[in-house]
Amino acid sequence: MNVRFFLNSLLLLSLSYLYCGDVSAVSTGTLTVKFGQTTEDSYKESHPNAVKIGFNKDLNGNVYKDSPNENKDVRRDIVFEDLGNFYVLFDQNKDLIALEMQFKSDYFGILTTTLTKKYTEVIKKKSLIGSNYMELYNDGVSIYLVTPSFFSNTSLFFVRTKEKEELLKTIPNKMLENESKILDFIVKKCFPLR
């Protein structure tokens, strides 16, 4: 009887791999904000301390700011101790376009390990003077991890690739030579009010 149960279980398990989607696929985003899942309404509900700081005219959406470590009721198990500001941008359909996390110290090494396990690495550059740049990709979202100089703050930026490509159509040619300038341009276009 136990052998029959084991064989039936094995058969069901193997069939689930054939008929179900990729079990290893991960959603893009943070623990609480995910592309394709988080809407503006669900974000406001799950992040009651987030403040609407304005409207992005270029991308037609609302911009929110949260400072999780300033909240007394923050869950320390899901928020980095040195997490500074957290910016989120939604489009006119209330879908997530972009998010940025700013850290108060250098988290490049720690985040690199985590991000490369989840997402596809596109570019990774480290310089001798301490500036670090990494670009990743997952399911229609471009992800950037940057530490501009030695022992400086790290920022993690996610943007839907479709919107990124639209923004890049307006970038001045002189900025196209440097990844950091391109990234600064995109971030400023997404979060001009920060």
Protein backbone atom coordinates (compact mmCIF):
# COMPACT_ATOMS: atom_id res chain seq x y z
CA MET A 1 0.00 0.00 0.00
CA ASN A 2 2.82 2.45 0.85
CA VAL A 3 4.59 1.70 -2.45
CA ARG A 4 1.38 2.38 -4.41
CA PHE A 5 0.89 5.69 -2.54
CA PHE A 6 4.50 6.67 -3.25
CA LEU A 7 4.19 5.87 -6.98
CA ASN A 8 0.91 7.80 -7.27
CA SER A 9 2.46 10.78 -5.52
CA LEU A 10 5.47 10.62 -7.82
CA LEU A 11 3.20 10.51 -10.87
CA LEU A 12 1.19 13.53 -9.70
CA LEU A 13 4.35 15.46 -8.96
CA SER A 14 5.82 14.77 -12.40
CA LEU A 15 2.55 15.72 -14.11
CA SER A 16 2.42 18.99 -12.18
CA TYR A 17 5.77 19.97 -13.72
CA LEU A 18 4.38 19.31 -17.20
CA TYR A 19 1.10 21.19 -16.83
CA CYS A 20 1.98 23.94 -14.37
CA GLY A 21 4.03 27.03 -15.06
CA ASP A 22 7.64 27.43 -14.10
CA VAL A 23 7.81 26.75 -10.39
CA SER A 24 11.09 28.60 -10.06
CA ALA A 25 9.82 31.85 -11.65
CA VAL A 26 9.97 34.81 -9.29
CA SER A 27 8.03 38.01 -9.29
CA THR A 28 9.96 41.24 -9.68
CA GLY A 29 10.11 43.69 -6.78
CA THR A 30 10.45 43.73 -3.04
CA LEU A 31 8.73 41.64 -0.38
CA THR A 32 5.74 43.99 -0.29
CA VAL A 33 5.75 45.72 -3.71
CA LYS A 34 5.74 43.56 -6.84
CA PHE A 35 5.36 44.39 -10.52
CA GLY A 36 2.21 42.90 -12.02
CA GLN A 37 0.70 42.39 -8.55
CA THR A 38 0.82 45.65 -6.60
CA THR A 39 -1.66 48.31 -7.63
CA GLU A 40 -1.89 51.85 -6.33
CA ASP A 41 -4.88 50.91 -4.16
CA SER A 42 -3.22 47.82 -2.69
CA TYR A 43 -0.04 49.82 -2.05
CA LYS A 44 -1.91 52.52 -0.12
CA GLU A 45 -3.65 49.84 1.91
CA SER A 46 -0.48 47.89 2.75
CA HIS A 47 1.68 51.02 3.29
CA PRO A 48 -0.55 53.42 5.26
CA ASN A 49 2.39 55.70 6.12
CA ALA A 50 3.24 56.35 2.46
CA VAL A 51 2.56 59.92 1.38
CA LYS A 52 1.51 60.99 -2.09
CA ILE A 53 4.10 63.62 -3.04
CA GLY A 54 2.78 64.53 -6.47
CA PHE A 55 1.93 63.62 -10.01
CA ASN A 56 4.45 62.66 -12.69
CA LYS A 57 3.45 64.52 -15.87
CA ASP A 58 5.80 62.56 -18.14
CA LEU A 59 4.43 59.16 -17.16
CA ASN A 60 0.92 60.21 -16.05
CA GLY A 61 0.98 58.72 -12.59
CA ASN A 62 1.04 59.36 -8.87
CA VAL A 63 4.28 59.32 -6.91
CA TYR A 64 4.45 58.12 -3.29
CA LYS A 65 7.19 58.35 -0.69
CA ASP A 66 7.64 56.20 2.38
CA SER A 67 10.36 56.24 5.03
CA PRO A 68 9.84 52.82 6.66
CA ASN A 69 12.42 53.20 9.41
CA GLU A 70 10.72 56.33 10.70
CA ASN A 71 7.56 54.35 11.46
CA LYS A 72 7.23 52.94 14.96
CA ASP A 73 5.17 49.96 13.82
CA VAL A 74 7.56 48.81 11.09
CA ARG A 75 8.29 45.10 10.88
CA ARG A 76 12.04 44.81 11.46
CA ASP A 77 12.12 41.37 9.86
CA ILE A 78 11.26 42.81 6.42
CA VAL A 79 12.86 46.28 6.52
CA PHE A 80 16.62 46.89 6.30
CA GLU A 81 17.80 48.92 9.27
CA ASP A 82 19.52 51.42 6.99
CA LEU A 83 16.65 51.75 4.51
CA GLY A 84 16.07 55.44 3.89
CA ASN A 85 13.40 56.62 1.52
CA PHE A 86 11.24 54.42 -0.67
CA TYR A 87 9.62 55.95 -3.78
CA VAL A 88 6.88 54.36 -5.86
CA LEU A 89 5.31 55.46 -9.17
CA PHE A 90 2.02 54.20 -10.59
CA ASP A 91 0.56 54.81 -14.05
CA GLN A 92 -2.92 56.15 -14.85
CA ASN A 93 -4.28 52.57 -14.66
CA LYS A 94 -2.87 52.33 -11.11
CA ASP A 95 -0.23 49.77 -12.14
CA LEU A 96 3.31 49.93 -10.78
CA ILE A 97 5.79 51.64 -13.14
CA ALA A 98 8.85 52.22 -10.96
CA LEU A 99 10.20 52.00 -7.44
CA GLU A 100 13.38 53.20 -5.81
CA MET A 101 14.89 52.20 -2.49
CA GLN A 102 17.58 54.40 -0.98
CA PHE A 103 19.89 52.94 1.65
CA LYS A 104 21.86 54.99 4.18
CA SER A 105 25.05 52.98 3.68
CA ASP A 106 26.79 50.58 1.28
CA TYR A 107 24.63 47.49 0.68
CA PHE A 108 25.98 46.73 -2.80
CA GLY A 109 27.68 43.46 -1.86
CA ILE A 110 24.74 42.09 0.12
CA LEU A 111 22.16 43.06 -2.49
CA THR A 112 24.27 41.81 -5.41
CA THR A 113 24.20 38.29 -4.03
CA THR A 114 20.45 38.34 -3.51
CA LEU A 115 19.57 39.99 -6.82
CA THR A 116 21.74 37.76 -9.00
CA LYS A 117 20.01 34.70 -7.57
CA LYS A 118 16.59 36.08 -8.58
CA TYR A 119 17.20 38.06 -11.77
CA THR A 120 19.30 37.93 -14.94
CA GLU A 121 22.48 39.99 -14.70
CA VAL A 122 23.08 42.29 -17.69
CA ILE A 123 26.02 44.48 -16.57
CA LYS A 124 28.18 44.62 -13.46
CA LYS A 125 30.95 47.20 -13.03
CA LYS A 126 33.13 47.86 -10.01
CA SER A 127 35.82 50.49 -10.00
CA LEU A 128 38.90 50.88 -7.85
CA ILE A 129 37.58 54.11 -6.34
CA GLY A 130 34.53 52.30 -5.04
CA SER A 131 31.74 53.13 -7.44
CA ASN A 132 29.59 50.10 -8.26
CA TYR A 133 26.97 49.68 -10.95
CA MET A 134 24.81 46.69 -11.76
CA GLU A 135 21.98 46.24 -14.23
CA LEU A 136 19.64 43.25 -14.12
CA TYR A 137 16.47 42.21 -15.91
CA ASN A 138 13.39 40.14 -15.12
CA ASP A 139 10.07 39.75 -16.91
CA GLY A 140 9.77 43.22 -18.49
CA VAL A 141 11.45 45.10 -15.64
CA SER A 142 14.93 46.68 -15.63
CA ILE A 143 16.67 46.67 -12.25
CA TYR A 144 19.61 48.88 -11.26
CA LEU A 145 21.82 48.69 -8.19
CA VAL A 146 24.23 51.60 -7.68
CA THR A 147 26.74 52.76 -5.10
CA PRO A 148 28.26 55.96 -6.55
CA SER A 149 31.49 56.02 -4.50
CA PHE A 150 33.41 54.20 -1.79
CA PHE A 151 31.34 53.82 1.43
CA SER A 152 28.45 55.84 0.03
CA ASN A 153 24.75 55.16 0.01
CA THR A 154 23.35 52.43 -2.23
CA SER A 155 20.18 52.77 -4.26
CA LEU A 156 18.08 50.07 -5.87
CA PHE A 157 15.83 51.12 -8.75
CA PHE A 158 13.22 49.10 -10.66
CA VAL A 159 11.43 50.39 -13.79
CA ARG A 160 9.23 48.74 -16.37
CA THR A 161 11.33 48.40 -19.51
CA LYS A 162 8.56 49.76 -21.74
CA GLU A 163 8.52 53.10 -19.88
CA LYS A 164 12.32 53.16 -19.69
CA GLU A 165 12.54 52.87 -23.49
CA GLU A 166 10.03 55.72 -23.91
CA LEU A 167 12.02 57.95 -21.57
CA LEU A 168 15.28 57.18 -23.36
CA LYS A 169 13.83 58.63 -26.58
CA THR A 170 14.14 62.07 -24.95
CA ILE A 171 17.63 61.73 -23.45
CA PRO A 172 20.31 64.18 -24.68
CA ASN A 173 22.93 62.45 -26.86
CA LYS A 174 25.81 63.57 -24.61
CA MET A 175 24.42 61.39 -21.78
CA LEU A 176 24.35 58.19 -23.85
CA GLU A 177 28.03 57.46 -23.23
CA ASN A 178 27.75 56.76 -19.50
CA GLU A 179 25.50 54.22 -17.74
CA SER A 180 25.35 56.32 -14.58
CA LYS A 181 24.16 59.40 -16.46
CA ILE A 182 21.53 57.36 -18.27
CA LEU A 183 20.32 55.92 -14.98
CA ASP A 184 20.25 59.36 -13.31
CA PHE A 185 18.18 60.65 -16.24
CA ILE A 186 15.64 57.81 -15.94
CA VAL A 187 15.36 58.10 -12.15
CA LYS A 188 14.84 61.88 -12.35
CA LYS A 189 12.17 61.41 -15.02
CA CYS A 190 10.35 58.86 -12.82
CA PHE A 191 10.75 60.73 -9.54
CA PRO A 192 11.19 64.44 -10.31
CA LEU A 193 9.65 65.44 -6.99
CA ARG A 194 12.01 63.62 -4.67
